[in-house]
Amino acid sequence: MTNQEILAQFGPREAMEYDVVVVGGGPAGLSTAIRLKQLAAEKGTEISVVVLEKGAEPGVHILSGAVLDPIALAELFPDWKAMGAPLNQPVTDEAMMFLSETGAHRTPNFLLPKCSQNHGNYIISLGALTRWLAQQAENLGVEIFPGFAAAEVLYSGDGAVRGVATGNLGVGKDGEPGEAFQIGMELLAKYTIFAEGSRGHLGRQLISRFNLDAGCDPQSYGIGIKELWEIDPARHEPGLVVHTAGWPMDENTYGGSFLYHMEDNKVALGFITGLNYANPYLSPFEEFQRWKTHPNIRWYLEGEDQGLKPAKRLAYGARAITAGGLSSLPKTVFPGGALVGCEAGFLNVSRIKGSHAAMKSGMLAAEAAYDAVTAGRSHDELSAYPEAFEASWLYTELNKSRNFKAWFKYGLTVGTLMNGLEQFALKGHFPWTIHRDKPDHAYLKPAAECQPIDYPKPDGKLTFDRLSSVFISNANHEENQPAHLTLKDASVPVNVNLAKFAGPEARYCPAGVYEFVPDEAKGGSAQRLQINAANCVHCKTCDIKDPTQNIVWVTPEGGGGPNYAGM
């Protein structure tokens, strides 16, 4: 049963009207909502704001390293410390290391460019900060609807965005409404701000519909895979920030890692793989597991033979990262709305930070929306938002790092040397911009041109498999719902992806969603793609890296997905 047929039978949907609807309850969306309410309080006006969050509560779908630059938080809440914001572990030391398979070379701290320095920053759980921001938003009068996934953009007769509709609940796998069926609702607004995070489902549609990426470099992404561990106090160094480049990536594959010492003997460690990699046999998940076996990394996680307390893996997650920078930033406004945060791509990849940028972009969009609403406007373009961005410290910061990832298309050695020149010697003032000319999925080479990679089997102590990892991500979806991982053409995975690229979806997915299994309908001699949608952690990698762009991630029933704790 199509959505149109459901509407014809069960509609019309209930509609609620607001001045501003915010889609996404992460740092960008919540900062948007908070700033709107702050401005209304400062100027003695009223403005109605609602935030839709697809997770069961704000913060459960949020995943980041994370080291936070508090610059935007301090603008939003100058007294954040007194208010109890969960920034508990300041950075005390940092190390940038280049790894070989068995050794490491540390760059002296005095040679680190400013973008790589973390003095004054904090190692945090971004999920905890998000929950705190949600509480502040509610204290200011923002309505937050957790467990409600925005599934559809609504347009007015002239093509302007007029709001969103939430997904229907209780639809079975066959597409038919079940006994517990509830039709979605419409949330209408003068302006709708989209803050879904990297590769947002609705944001992708808006970029295409309004041609927002015209004249931009193709967007570039990475996949970040993270684990949270508790380690022996003897090897815990509160506030230490470690980043590595090099092994296990080869010279021509972009990637790097982080290891952050949080409070309470916890360390957050993870690996980022650029999704412009060429070898279809590469597995970002296995590369991360292999990285943990490096002597300089496993030292923190082992030591039982020396009488230390066994380290324990506590949590796991994965998320795509929008890493193209300023050259790939689309137009952020369109009639009736705007894109903020990683939805648009404000992450500063040179600093390995995006939360402060996401928050600032949301605040800038809020100021433009507030002025428009109080002036009696609606459904037009918030041109003051991109204008304010270009006059802000955020633009200056991103402009200085605009070439950072692009340099690595020439390899790790050249990329490192040129970024050293640009960021350390020239302070980010390079006279030229280095461009990219194709999207990440177009870099994948046919399997016949590549060497298979033999990954070691997990030991269950230091390295793990996908399914045990997904288990501790607490991923959960209503089983009897249509798969939210859709195929434009069901024949493509076998006829093209498996035949030409050796089935890369079985490797680039960090959650075991995709696997090729014998097709019993054909006697078991052929293969078919099995989609285990319940495993999905909403990382969006499949939507980005699928070489034929045949996989389309759509929003599942609200409340489904990972439930990250302490991440």
Protein backbone atom coordinates (compact mmCIF):
# COMPACT_ATOMS: atom_id res chain seq x y z
CA MET A 1 0.00 0.00 0.00
CA THR A 2 1.56 3.30 -1.06
CA ASN A 3 1.65 6.35 1.17
CA GLN A 4 -0.83 8.05 -1.16
CA GLU A 5 -3.22 5.10 -0.77
CA ILE A 6 -2.80 5.19 3.01
CA LEU A 7 -3.59 8.91 3.02
CA ALA A 8 -6.64 8.35 0.85
CA GLN A 9 -7.96 5.68 3.22
CA PHE A 10 -6.90 6.97 6.64
CA GLY A 11 -6.27 10.69 6.10
CA PRO A 12 -6.24 13.55 6.38
CA ARG A 13 -3.31 13.73 8.78
CA GLU A 14 -3.53 15.88 11.88
CA ALA A 15 -1.61 19.12 11.39
CA MET A 16 0.17 21.25 13.97
CA GLU A 17 1.46 24.72 13.18
CA TYR A 18 4.62 26.37 14.52
CA ASP A 19 6.76 29.33 13.65
CA VAL A 20 9.81 27.07 13.25
CA VAL A 21 10.08 23.30 12.93
CA VAL A 22 13.53 21.79 13.52
CA VAL A 23 14.19 18.31 12.09
CA GLY A 24 16.83 16.60 14.21
CA GLY A 25 17.62 16.82 17.91
CA GLY A 26 21.42 16.86 17.76
CA PRO A 27 23.75 19.74 18.66
CA ALA A 28 22.88 21.73 15.51
CA GLY A 29 19.11 21.35 15.80
CA LEU A 30 18.98 21.98 19.55
CA SER A 31 21.25 25.03 19.25
CA THR A 32 18.86 26.37 16.59
CA ALA A 33 15.87 25.91 18.87
CA ILE A 34 17.62 27.31 21.94
CA ARG A 35 18.81 30.44 20.14
CA LEU A 36 15.33 31.11 18.79
CA LYS A 37 13.85 30.99 22.28
CA GLN A 38 16.70 33.05 23.73
CA LEU A 39 16.08 35.81 21.19
CA ALA A 40 12.36 35.77 21.93
CA ALA A 41 13.05 36.09 25.67
CA GLU A 42 15.58 38.87 25.14
CA LYS A 43 13.19 40.89 22.98
CA GLY A 44 9.95 40.13 24.78
CA THR A 45 8.30 38.31 21.90
CA GLU A 46 6.78 34.87 21.40
CA ILE A 47 7.98 32.28 18.93
CA SER A 48 6.80 28.67 18.77
CA VAL A 49 9.48 26.04 18.12
CA VAL A 50 9.34 22.25 17.92
CA VAL A 51 12.19 19.75 17.50
CA LEU A 52 11.59 16.33 15.94
CA GLU A 53 14.05 13.64 17.05
CA LYS A 54 13.91 10.17 15.46
CA GLY A 55 15.67 8.55 18.42
CA ALA A 56 13.78 7.39 21.47
CA GLU A 57 15.30 10.37 23.29
CA PRO A 58 17.78 13.09 22.38
CA GLY A 59 21.34 11.81 22.33
CA VAL A 60 20.80 8.09 21.75
CA HIS A 61 21.64 8.32 18.03
CA ILE A 62 24.53 10.79 18.50
CA LEU A 63 28.03 9.50 17.83
CA SER A 64 31.29 11.41 17.79
CA GLY A 65 34.83 11.08 19.15
CA ALA A 66 34.62 13.65 20.69
CA VAL A 67 36.92 16.53 21.53
CA LEU A 68 34.84 19.69 21.84
CA ASP A 69 35.98 23.24 21.26
CA PRO A 70 33.61 25.12 23.61
CA ILE A 71 33.60 28.34 21.55
CA ALA A 72 30.02 27.97 20.29
CA LEU A 73 28.73 26.60 23.59
CA ALA A 74 30.18 29.66 25.35
CA GLU A 75 28.31 31.92 22.93
CA LEU A 76 25.08 30.05 23.49
CA PHE A 77 25.48 29.77 27.28
CA PRO A 78 28.28 32.00 28.64
CA ASP A 79 27.83 30.43 32.09
CA TRP A 80 27.80 26.82 30.86
CA LYS A 81 30.14 25.67 33.62
CA ALA A 82 27.88 26.95 36.39
CA MET A 83 24.90 25.45 34.58
CA GLY A 84 26.44 21.99 34.78
CA ALA A 85 27.23 21.28 31.13
CA PRO A 86 28.91 17.84 30.99
CA LEU A 87 32.37 19.01 29.97
CA ASN A 88 34.31 17.25 32.70
CA GLN A 89 37.66 16.32 31.20
CA PRO A 90 39.88 19.08 29.80
CA VAL A 91 42.58 18.08 27.34
CA THR A 92 45.89 17.80 29.22
CA ASP A 93 48.23 16.49 26.51
CA GLU A 94 48.13 15.41 22.88
CA ALA A 95 50.10 13.24 20.50
CA MET A 96 50.05 13.01 16.71
CA MET A 97 51.66 9.75 15.57
CA PHE A 98 52.47 8.24 12.19
CA LEU A 99 52.31 4.47 12.37
CA SER A 100 54.15 1.74 10.56
CA GLU A 101 53.02 -1.84 11.12
CA THR A 102 55.17 -2.25 14.22
CA GLY A 103 56.45 1.23 15.06
CA ALA A 104 55.37 4.83 15.51
CA HIS A 105 56.82 8.30 15.04
CA ARG A 106 55.40 11.09 17.19
CA THR A 107 55.39 14.62 15.85
CA PRO A 108 56.78 17.01 18.48
CA ASN A 109 53.96 19.12 19.87
CA PHE A 110 55.75 22.36 19.01
CA LEU A 111 55.52 21.37 15.32
CA LEU A 112 51.76 20.79 15.42
CA PRO A 113 49.83 23.44 13.46
CA LYS A 114 47.18 25.39 15.31
CA CYS A 115 44.38 23.31 13.79
CA SER A 116 45.87 20.21 15.47
CA GLN A 117 46.23 21.75 18.91
CA ASN A 118 43.62 21.04 21.57
CA HIS A 119 44.58 23.26 24.50
CA GLY A 120 41.35 24.61 26.02
CA ASN A 121 39.20 21.83 24.56
CA TYR A 122 37.36 19.03 26.36
CA ILE A 123 37.01 15.29 25.85
CA ILE A 124 33.29 14.62 26.12
CA SER A 125 30.42 12.26 25.48
CA LEU A 126 28.53 14.10 22.76
CA GLY A 127 25.44 12.10 23.67
CA ALA A 128 25.61 13.48 27.21
CA LEU A 129 26.03 17.04 25.92
CA THR A 130 23.07 16.54 23.59
CA ARG A 131 20.85 15.39 26.45
CA TRP A 132 21.94 18.45 28.44
CA LEU A 133 21.17 20.76 25.51
CA ALA A 134 17.74 19.14 25.17
CA GLN A 135 17.02 19.91 28.82
CA GLN A 136 18.05 23.54 28.35
CA ALA A 137 15.83 23.77 25.28
CA GLU A 138 12.83 22.44 27.16
CA ASN A 139 13.53 24.85 30.03
CA LEU A 140 13.24 27.67 27.49
CA GLY A 141 9.90 26.39 26.18
CA VAL A 142 10.99 24.36 23.15
CA GLU A 143 8.73 21.39 22.43
CA ILE A 144 10.71 18.21 21.71
CA PHE A 145 9.03 15.18 20.14
CA PRO A 146 11.37 12.18 20.59
CA GLY A 147 10.60 9.00 18.68
CA PHE A 148 9.08 10.92 15.78
CA ALA A 149 10.97 10.55 12.51
CA ALA A 150 10.38 13.15 9.82
CA ALA A 151 9.69 11.05 6.74
CA GLU A 152 8.42 13.50 4.15
CA VAL A 153 8.99 17.13 3.17
CA LEU A 154 5.78 19.06 2.56
CA TYR A 155 5.63 21.73 -0.13
CA SER A 156 3.24 24.57 -0.84
CA GLY A 157 1.71 25.18 -4.24
CA ASP A 158 4.56 27.46 -5.27
CA GLY A 159 7.19 24.87 -4.34
CA ALA A 160 8.33 26.32 -1.02
CA VAL A 161 8.88 24.03 1.97
CA ARG A 162 5.98 24.39 4.38
CA GLY A 163 6.91 21.68 6.91
CA VAL A 164 7.33 17.94 7.27
CA ALA A 165 5.24 14.87 7.94
CA THR A 166 6.23 12.17 10.39
CA GLY A 167 6.23 8.53 9.35
CA ASN A 168 3.26 6.26 9.78
CA LEU A 169 3.44 3.78 12.68
CA GLY A 170 2.31 0.17 12.67
CA VAL A 171 2.82 -0.55 8.98
CA GLY A 172 3.76 -4.19 8.37
CA LYS A 173 6.54 -5.58 6.20
CA ASP A 174 4.01 -6.07 3.44
CA GLY A 175 3.28 -2.33 3.46
CA GLU A 176 -0.21 -2.84 4.84
CA PRO A 177 -1.45 -1.01 7.97
CA GLY A 178 -1.60 -3.36 10.98
CA GLU A 179 -3.76 -3.43 14.09
CA ALA A 180 -1.63 -0.80 15.83
CA PHE A 181 -1.51 1.50 12.79
CA GLN A 182 -1.26 5.25 13.39
CA ILE A 183 -1.09 7.69 10.55
CA GLY A 184 1.69 10.28 10.70
CA MET A 185 1.12 13.92 11.46
CA GLU A 186 2.03 17.12 9.68
CA LEU A 187 4.11 19.79 11.33
CA LEU A 188 3.76 23.03 9.44
CA ALA A 189 6.01 26.03 9.87
CA LYS A 190 6.93 29.40 8.50
CA TYR A 191 10.47 28.00 8.31
CA THR A 192 11.76 24.43 8.61
CA ILE A 193 15.36 23.87 9.67
CA PHE A 194 16.92 20.53 8.71
CA ALA A 195 19.53 19.16 11.12
CA GLU A 196 19.48 15.42 10.42
CA GLY A 197 23.25 14.97 10.51
CA SER A 198 25.51 13.55 7.81
CA ARG A 199 23.71 12.38 4.66
CA GLY A 200 20.30 13.26 6.00
CA HIS A 201 17.43 11.46 4.29
CA LEU A 202 15.38 14.62 3.71
CA GLY A 203 18.40 16.87 3.27
CA ARG A 204 19.55 14.74 0.37
CA GLN A 205 16.17 15.24 -1.30
CA LEU A 206 16.26 18.99 -0.73
CA ILE A 207 19.77 19.35 -2.16
CA SER A 208 18.60 17.57 -5.30
CA ARG A 209 15.23 19.34 -5.61
CA PHE A 210 16.63 22.85 -5.23
CA ASN A 211 19.98 22.09 -6.92
CA LEU A 212 21.76 23.37 -3.83
CA ASP A 213 25.08 21.79 -4.74
CA ALA A 214 25.38 23.49 -8.12
CA GLY A 215 28.92 24.80 -8.55
CA CYS A 216 30.24 22.86 -5.54
CA ASP A 217 32.79 20.07 -5.39
CA PRO A 218 31.14 16.67 -4.92
CA GLN A 219 30.63 16.04 -1.22
CA SER A 220 33.21 13.81 0.46
CA TYR A 221 32.54 11.50 3.40
CA GLY A 222 34.25 9.22 5.85
CA ILE A 223 32.96 6.48 8.08
CA GLY A 224 33.88 6.76 11.74
CA ILE A 225 33.75 3.57 13.82
CA LYS A 226 34.07 3.93 17.58
CA GLU A 227 34.37 1.81 20.70
CA LEU A 228 34.24 2.86 24.35
CA TRP A 229 36.51 0.93 26.74
CA GLU A 230 37.20 0.91 30.46
CA ILE A 231 40.89 0.30 31.16
CA ASP A 232 43.17 -0.21 34.15
CA PRO A 233 43.89 3.07 36.01
CA ALA A 234 47.62 2.38 35.63
CA ARG A 235 47.34 2.96 31.90
CA HIS A 236 44.75 5.70 31.96
CA GLU A 237 45.99 9.24 31.35
CA PRO A 238 43.02 11.59 31.88
CA GLY A 239 42.91 14.25 29.19
CA LEU A 240 45.35 12.63 26.74
CA VAL A 241 44.35 13.02 23.08
CA VAL A 242 46.05 10.70 20.56
CA HIS A 243 45.60 10.81 16.80
CA THR A 244 47.32 8.52 14.31
CA ALA A 245 47.78 8.30 10.55
CA GLY A 246 49.43 5.67 8.40
CA TRP A 247 49.10 1.94 9.12
CA PRO A 248 46.87 0.05 8.56
CA MET A 249 45.93 2.33 5.63
CA ASP A 250 48.15 2.18 2.57
CA GLU A 251 49.76 5.24 1.02
CA ASN A 252 46.79 6.01 -1.23
CA THR A 253 43.88 5.38 1.17
CA TYR A 254 42.70 8.20 3.42
CA GLY A 255 42.23 7.24 7.06
CA GLY A 256 43.23 7.93 10.64
CA SER A 257 42.38 7.22 14.22
CA PHE A 258 41.68 8.72 17.61
CA LEU A 259 42.21 7.57 21.17
CA TYR A 260 40.81 9.89 23.84
CA HIS A 261 41.25 9.41 27.58
CA MET A 262 37.98 10.44 29.22
CA GLU A 263 37.20 10.54 32.92
CA ASP A 264 36.54 7.44 35.06
CA ASN A 265 39.21 5.25 33.42
CA LYS A 266 37.37 5.27 30.11
CA VAL A 267 38.93 5.67 26.68
CA ALA A 268 37.14 6.39 23.43
CA LEU A 269 38.89 4.94 20.44
CA GLY A 270 37.96 4.88 16.81
CA PHE A 271 39.01 4.80 13.21
CA ILE A 272 37.94 6.97 10.27
CA THR A 273 38.15 5.68 6.72
CA GLY A 274 37.63 8.04 3.79
CA LEU A 275 34.79 6.70 1.66
CA ASN A 276 36.68 7.57 -1.51
CA TYR A 277 38.75 4.38 -1.13
CA ALA A 278 39.28 2.39 -4.34
CA ASN A 279 39.69 -1.27 -3.32
CA PRO A 280 36.27 -2.98 -2.99
CA TYR A 281 37.87 -5.62 -0.74
CA LEU A 282 38.62 -3.01 1.93
CA SER A 283 36.53 -3.22 5.11
CA PRO A 284 36.53 -0.14 7.36
CA PHE A 285 35.34 -2.30 10.26
CA GLU A 286 38.22 -4.77 9.90
CA GLU A 287 40.72 -1.96 9.42
CA PHE A 288 39.61 -0.55 12.76
CA GLN A 289 39.96 -3.92 14.46
CA ARG A 290 43.40 -4.40 12.90
CA TRP A 291 44.50 -0.93 14.04
CA LYS A 292 43.87 -1.92 17.67
CA THR A 293 46.55 -4.61 17.35
CA HIS A 294 49.30 -2.03 16.84
CA PRO A 295 51.74 -2.16 19.79
CA ASN A 296 51.17 1.52 20.66
CA ILE A 297 47.40 1.03 20.81
CA ARG A 298 47.01 -2.45 22.31
CA TRP A 299 49.27 -1.38 25.19
CA TYR A 300 46.34 0.58 26.63
CA LEU A 301 43.92 -2.34 26.25
CA GLU A 302 46.02 -5.23 27.49
CA GLY A 303 48.28 -5.98 30.45
CA GLU A 304 46.61 -8.87 32.30
CA ASP A 305 49.91 -10.76 32.15
CA GLN A 306 51.39 -7.86 34.12
CA GLY A 307 48.75 -8.00 36.82
CA LEU A 308 46.54 -5.25 35.40
CA LYS A 309 42.76 -5.24 35.50
CA PRO A 310 41.32 -6.65 32.23
CA ALA A 311 40.13 -3.91 29.91
CA LYS A 312 36.44 -4.08 28.99
CA ARG A 313 34.72 -2.96 25.82
CA LEU A 314 31.56 -1.08 26.82
CA ALA A 315 29.98 0.26 23.64
CA TYR A 316 30.24 0.32 19.87
CA GLY A 317 28.90 2.53 17.08
CA ALA A 318 29.46 3.90 13.60
CA ARG A 319 28.47 7.05 11.73
CA ALA A 320 29.23 8.72 8.42
CA ILE A 321 31.11 12.02 8.55
CA THR A 322 30.55 14.84 6.05
CA ALA A 323 34.14 15.85 5.33
CA GLY A 324 34.22 17.82 2.07
CA GLY A 325 34.63 21.15 3.81
CA LEU A 326 33.99 24.59 2.40
CA SER A 327 34.46 23.60 -1.26
CA SER A 328 31.65 21.05 -0.97
CA LEU A 329 29.30 23.15 1.17
CA PRO A 330 25.98 23.46 -0.68
CA LYS A 331 23.77 26.48 -0.67
CA THR A 332 22.23 26.31 2.79
CA VAL A 333 18.91 28.07 2.18
CA PHE A 334 15.89 27.50 -0.04
CA PRO A 335 12.29 28.76 0.02
CA GLY A 336 10.93 27.90 3.45
CA GLY A 337 13.97 26.44 5.13
CA ALA A 338 17.67 25.89 5.72
CA LEU A 339 20.31 23.21 6.27
CA VAL A 340 22.50 23.32 9.40
CA GLY A 341 25.26 21.22 10.93
CA CYS A 342 26.51 18.06 9.25
CA GLU A 343 23.34 18.06 7.13
CA ALA A 344 25.13 20.72 5.11
CA GLY A 345 28.74 19.79 5.93
CA PHE A 346 30.24 22.30 8.35
CA LEU A 347 32.73 19.85 9.89
CA ASN A 348 36.34 21.06 10.05
CA VAL A 349 38.19 17.91 9.00
CA SER A 350 41.62 19.44 9.71
CA ARG A 351 40.64 19.83 13.38
CA ILE A 352 38.72 16.53 13.50
CA LYS A 353 35.88 18.53 14.99
CA GLY A 354 32.36 19.37 13.92
CA SER A 355 30.19 19.87 17.00
CA HIS A 356 31.21 23.48 17.59
CA ALA A 357 30.62 24.21 13.90
CA ALA A 358 27.23 22.47 13.95
CA MET A 359 26.14 24.51 16.95
CA LYS A 360 27.31 27.79 15.43
CA SER A 361 25.55 27.12 12.13
CA GLY A 362 22.33 26.41 14.01
CA MET A 363 22.66 29.64 15.97
CA LEU A 364 23.22 31.65 12.78
CA ALA A 365 20.19 30.06 11.11
CA ALA A 366 18.10 30.77 14.22
CA GLU A 367 18.98 34.45 14.17
CA ALA A 368 17.97 34.73 10.52
CA ALA A 369 14.72 32.82 11.12
CA TYR A 370 13.84 34.87 14.18
CA ASP A 371 14.25 38.14 12.30
CA ALA A 372 12.16 36.81 9.42
CA VAL A 373 9.32 35.52 11.61
CA THR A 374 9.10 38.70 13.68
CA ALA A 375 9.06 40.74 10.46
CA GLY A 376 5.99 38.81 9.33
CA ARG A 377 7.77 36.81 6.64
CA SER A 378 7.35 33.11 5.85
CA HIS A 379 8.40 30.47 3.33
CA ASP A 380 11.02 32.64 1.64
CA GLU A 381 14.80 32.28 1.63
CA LEU A 382 16.67 33.12 4.82
CA SER A 383 19.45 34.87 2.94
CA ALA A 384 20.70 36.49 6.14
CA TYR A 385 21.90 33.05 7.31
CA PRO A 386 24.59 32.42 4.65
CA GLU A 387 25.53 36.09 4.79
CA ALA A 388 26.10 35.84 8.54
CA PHE A 389 28.08 32.63 8.07
CA GLU A 390 30.45 34.31 5.62
CA ALA A 391 31.06 37.07 8.18
CA SER A 392 31.63 34.66 11.07
CA TRP A 393 34.64 33.02 12.72
CA LEU A 394 33.32 29.71 11.44
CA TYR A 395 33.80 30.72 7.81
CA THR A 396 37.32 31.96 8.58
CA GLU A 397 38.13 28.64 10.27
CA LEU A 398 36.74 26.49 7.45
CA ASN A 399 38.37 28.62 4.76
CA LYS A 400 41.79 28.01 6.29
CA SER A 401 41.24 24.24 6.17
CA ARG A 402 39.44 24.03 2.80
CA ASN A 403 42.28 22.06 1.17
CA PHE A 404 43.01 19.66 4.03
CA LYS A 405 41.34 16.49 2.76
CA ALA A 406 41.78 17.37 -0.91
CA TRP A 407 45.57 17.22 -0.58
CA PHE A 408 45.38 13.53 0.31
CA LYS A 409 44.23 12.62 -3.19
CA TYR A 410 47.96 12.77 -3.95
CA GLY A 411 48.73 10.20 -1.22
CA LEU A 412 49.58 10.22 2.48
CA THR A 413 53.13 11.53 2.08
CA VAL A 414 52.29 14.42 -0.26
CA GLY A 415 49.09 15.20 1.67
CA THR A 416 50.95 15.35 4.98
CA LEU A 417 53.74 17.53 3.60
CA MET A 418 51.40 19.96 1.84
CA ASN A 419 49.10 20.25 4.84
CA GLY A 420 52.15 20.87 6.99
CA LEU A 421 53.19 23.67 4.65
CA GLU A 422 49.68 25.14 4.42
CA GLN A 423 48.66 24.85 8.08
CA PHE A 424 51.97 25.30 9.91
CA ALA A 425 54.04 27.58 7.68
CA LEU A 426 51.28 29.54 5.91
CA LYS A 427 48.72 29.47 8.78
CA GLY A 428 46.01 28.29 6.40
CA HIS A 429 46.55 31.10 3.91
CA PHE A 430 47.25 29.03 0.79
CA PRO A 431 46.66 31.03 -2.43
CA TRP A 432 44.88 28.22 -4.32
CA THR A 433 41.97 25.88 -3.66
CA ILE A 434 42.41 22.20 -4.45
CA HIS A 435 39.27 20.67 -5.93
CA ARG A 436 37.75 17.21 -6.27
CA ASP A 437 35.81 16.19 -9.36
CA LYS A 438 33.89 13.02 -8.47
CA PRO A 439 31.81 11.60 -5.59
CA ASP A 440 33.09 8.91 -3.24
CA HIS A 441 31.20 6.00 -4.82
CA ALA A 442 32.84 6.68 -8.20
CA TYR A 443 36.32 5.88 -6.87
CA LEU A 444 35.63 2.17 -6.38
CA LYS A 445 37.56 0.02 -8.85
CA PRO A 446 36.41 -3.32 -10.27
CA ALA A 447 37.48 -6.23 -8.10
CA ALA A 448 39.53 -7.69 -10.95
CA GLU A 449 41.85 -4.69 -10.71
CA CYS A 450 42.39 -4.99 -6.95
CA GLN A 451 44.09 -7.26 -4.46
CA PRO A 452 41.91 -9.06 -1.89
CA ILE A 453 42.71 -8.21 1.73
CA ASP A 454 43.20 -11.04 4.20
CA TYR A 455 41.91 -9.83 7.55
CA PRO A 456 42.75 -11.84 10.70
CA LYS A 457 39.93 -13.50 12.59
CA PRO A 458 38.80 -11.64 15.75
CA ASP A 459 40.05 -12.92 19.08
CA GLY A 460 37.04 -11.77 21.12
CA LYS A 461 39.30 -9.88 23.55
CA LEU A 462 40.95 -7.10 21.57
CA THR A 463 39.28 -7.56 18.20
CA PHE A 464 35.66 -8.46 17.54
CA ASP A 465 33.16 -9.40 14.85
CA ARG A 466 30.31 -7.27 13.58
CA LEU A 467 27.42 -9.04 15.28
CA SER A 468 28.90 -8.89 18.80
CA SER A 469 29.62 -5.22 18.13
CA VAL A 470 26.08 -4.45 16.96
CA PHE A 471 24.80 -6.15 20.11
CA ILE A 472 26.49 -3.56 22.35
CA SER A 473 25.27 -0.70 20.14
CA ASN A 474 21.81 -1.63 21.51
CA ALA A 475 20.38 -1.35 17.98
CA ASN A 476 16.70 -2.16 17.91
CA HIS A 477 13.98 -1.81 15.28
CA GLU A 478 10.37 -2.87 15.21
CA GLU A 479 10.73 -6.19 13.38
CA ASN A 480 7.46 -6.10 11.46
CA GLN A 481 8.04 -2.90 9.49
CA PRO A 482 9.09 -2.26 5.90
CA ALA A 483 12.87 -2.34 5.47
CA HIS A 484 14.29 1.16 5.61
CA LEU A 485 17.19 0.11 3.38
CA THR A 486 15.65 0.16 -0.06
CA LEU A 487 16.85 -0.86 -3.52
CA LYS A 488 15.97 1.03 -6.68
CA ASP A 489 16.55 -2.18 -8.64
CA ALA A 490 16.65 -5.53 -6.82
CA SER A 491 18.75 -7.14 -9.57
CA VAL A 492 21.69 -4.74 -9.27
CA PRO A 493 23.35 -6.15 -6.09
CA VAL A 494 24.02 -9.53 -7.74
CA ASN A 495 24.25 -8.58 -11.41
CA VAL A 496 26.50 -5.55 -10.93
CA ASN A 497 27.84 -5.13 -7.39
CA LEU A 498 28.69 -8.79 -6.82
CA ALA A 499 29.75 -9.54 -10.38
CA LYS A 500 31.90 -6.45 -10.91
CA PHE A 501 32.87 -5.25 -7.42
CA ALA A 502 32.82 -8.52 -5.41
CA GLY A 503 29.86 -7.37 -3.30
CA PRO A 504 31.38 -4.40 -1.42
CA GLU A 505 28.21 -3.77 0.63
CA ALA A 506 29.05 -6.86 2.68
CA ARG A 507 32.31 -5.16 3.70
CA TYR A 508 31.65 -1.42 3.91
CA CYS A 509 28.66 -1.88 6.23
CA PRO A 510 29.93 -1.89 9.85
CA ALA A 511 26.81 -3.64 11.19
CA GLY A 512 26.41 -6.80 9.11
CA VAL A 513 23.28 -5.49 7.41
CA TYR A 514 24.23 -6.77 3.95
CA GLU A 515 25.31 -10.31 3.17
CA PHE A 516 25.31 -12.45 0.06
CA VAL A 517 23.76 -15.87 0.71
CA PRO A 518 22.76 -18.84 -1.49
CA ASP A 519 19.56 -18.17 -3.39
CA GLU A 520 17.42 -21.19 -2.52
CA ALA A 521 14.83 -20.13 -5.07
CA LYS A 522 17.47 -20.89 -7.71
CA GLY A 523 18.62 -24.13 -6.14
CA GLY A 524 21.33 -22.56 -4.02
CA SER A 525 23.79 -22.30 -6.90
CA ALA A 526 23.37 -18.52 -7.26
CA GLN A 527 23.67 -15.75 -4.71
CA ARG A 528 21.19 -13.17 -3.47
CA LEU A 529 21.59 -10.11 -1.27
CA GLN A 530 20.07 -10.49 2.19
CA ILE A 531 19.34 -7.25 4.04
CA ASN A 532 19.31 -7.57 7.83
CA ALA A 533 17.72 -4.17 8.43
CA ALA A 534 17.33 -4.75 12.19
CA ASN A 535 21.14 -4.52 12.56
CA CYS A 536 21.33 -1.02 11.09
CA VAL A 537 23.04 1.63 13.23
CA HIS A 538 21.99 4.45 10.85
CA CYS A 539 25.55 5.23 9.75
CA LYS A 540 24.44 5.95 6.13
CA THR A 541 27.59 4.41 4.62
CA CYS A 542 25.57 2.25 2.21
CA ASP A 543 23.70 5.30 0.91
CA ILE A 544 27.04 6.97 0.19
CA LYS A 545 29.40 4.20 -0.99
CA ASP A 546 27.15 1.91 -3.03
CA PRO A 547 28.93 2.04 -6.42
CA THR A 548 25.68 2.06 -8.41
CA GLN A 549 23.83 4.35 -5.98
CA ASN A 550 21.11 1.71 -5.92
CA ILE A 551 20.73 1.65 -2.13
CA VAL A 552 18.60 4.42 -0.64
CA TRP A 553 18.37 4.81 3.14
CA VAL A 554 14.93 5.99 4.23
CA THR A 555 13.79 6.73 7.73
CA PRO A 556 12.53 3.74 9.74
CA GLU A 557 9.73 3.86 12.27
CA GLY A 558 10.43 6.47 14.93
CA GLY A 559 12.43 5.36 17.95
CA GLY A 560 14.28 2.61 16.10
CA GLY A 561 18.04 2.42 15.69
CA PRO A 562 21.03 2.37 18.03
CA ASN A 563 20.83 3.38 21.66
CA TYR A 564 24.29 4.67 22.45
CA ALA A 565 25.26 4.86 26.11
CA GLY A 566 28.21 7.01 27.14
CA MET A 567 29.19 7.65 23.53
